[in-house]
Amino acid sequence: MRERATATISTLVVDDEQLACDELTYLLKDFPEVEVVATGSNGLEALELIGKLEPDLVFLDVHMPGLDGMALARVIARFST
């Protein structure tokens, strides 16, 4: 059997709908290798948290007021190259 990695995947969950954010965070608890290090409610907050925490994985809502998930992904892609 293949060995599983024991490293923790630091994760950020961002959604302007609190119930959706809470639900995804709750569902991710079933995966011990995933650690939700923070949650956010909009794209600007996500950008700040990403810069501060440098998570391995970010779940972004696609439709948020202001800076939505797609726009934020484009911003991050520009800075990561």
Protein backbone atom coordinates (compact mmCIF):
# COMPACT_ATOMS: atom_id res chain seq x y z
CA MET A 1 0.00 0.00 0.00
CA ARG A 2 1.22 3.51 -0.83
CA GLU A 3 2.25 5.63 2.16
CA ARG A 4 0.34 8.84 2.72
CA ALA A 5 2.11 12.10 3.32
CA THR A 6 1.89 13.30 6.89
CA ALA A 7 2.40 16.97 6.12
CA THR A 8 -0.39 19.36 7.00
CA ILE A 9 -1.92 21.45 4.21
CA SER A 10 -2.54 24.95 5.57
CA THR A 11 -5.83 26.14 4.13
CA LEU A 12 -7.77 29.40 3.86
CA VAL A 13 -11.53 29.43 3.20
CA VAL A 14 -13.08 32.63 1.80
CA ASP A 15 -16.79 33.19 1.16
CA ASP A 16 -19.05 36.19 1.69
CA GLU A 17 -21.84 33.86 2.82
CA GLN A 18 -20.99 32.85 6.40
CA LEU A 19 -23.03 29.63 6.26
CA ALA A 20 -21.14 28.44 3.18
CA CYS A 21 -17.81 29.29 4.80
CA ASP A 22 -18.79 27.47 7.99
CA GLU A 23 -20.05 24.42 6.07
CA LEU A 24 -16.86 24.02 4.04
CA THR A 25 -14.73 24.50 7.15
CA TYR A 26 -16.81 21.84 8.90
CA LEU A 27 -16.51 19.40 5.97
CA LEU A 28 -12.74 19.85 5.81
CA LYS A 29 -12.45 18.59 9.40
CA ASP A 30 -12.89 15.08 7.95
CA PHE A 31 -9.43 15.43 6.39
CA PRO A 32 -6.78 15.38 9.13
CA GLU A 33 -4.08 16.53 6.72
CA VAL A 34 -6.02 19.75 6.05
CA GLU A 35 -5.74 22.52 8.63
CA VAL A 36 -8.00 25.54 8.12
CA VAL A 37 -5.77 28.33 9.42
CA ALA A 38 -8.23 31.16 8.77
CA THR A 39 -11.45 32.17 7.08
CA GLY A 40 -12.32 35.36 5.27
CA SER A 41 -15.45 37.04 3.99
CA ASN A 42 -14.24 38.95 0.92
CA GLY A 43 -11.46 39.19 -1.63
CA LEU A 44 -9.60 42.05 0.03
CA GLU A 45 -9.54 40.23 3.34
CA ALA A 46 -8.37 37.09 1.51
CA LEU A 47 -5.52 39.01 -0.12
CA GLU A 48 -4.38 40.24 3.29
CA LEU A 49 -4.63 36.76 4.85
CA ILE A 50 -2.77 35.15 1.95
CA GLY A 51 0.08 37.63 2.33
CA LYS A 52 0.21 37.16 6.09
CA LEU A 53 -0.32 33.39 6.39
CA GLU A 54 0.98 32.08 3.02
CA PRO A 55 -1.43 29.11 3.00
CA ASP A 56 -0.82 26.06 0.84
CA LEU A 57 -4.42 25.99 -0.39
CA VAL A 58 -7.15 28.63 -0.75
CA PHE A 59 -10.85 27.97 -1.33
CA LEU A 60 -12.38 31.10 -2.89
CA ASP A 61 -15.99 31.91 -3.59
CA VAL A 62 -16.24 32.88 -7.25
CA HIS A 63 -18.97 35.50 -6.73
CA MET A 64 -18.24 38.00 -3.96
CA PRO A 65 -18.89 41.73 -3.85
CA GLY A 66 -15.88 43.89 -4.65
CA LEU A 67 -12.88 41.69 -5.40
CA ASP A 68 -14.37 38.31 -6.31
CA GLY A 69 -12.57 34.98 -6.38
CA MET A 70 -11.70 35.11 -10.08
CA ALA A 71 -10.25 38.63 -9.85
CA LEU A 72 -8.29 37.65 -6.76
CA ALA A 73 -6.87 34.60 -8.55
CA ARG A 74 -5.66 36.90 -11.35
CA VAL A 75 -4.02 39.25 -8.81
CA ILE A 76 -2.27 36.35 -7.09
CA ALA A 77 -1.10 34.90 -10.42
CA ARG A 78 0.52 38.21 -11.35
CA PHE A 79 2.51 38.36 -8.11
CA SER A 80 3.53 34.71 -8.06
CA THR A 81 5.48 34.80 -11.33
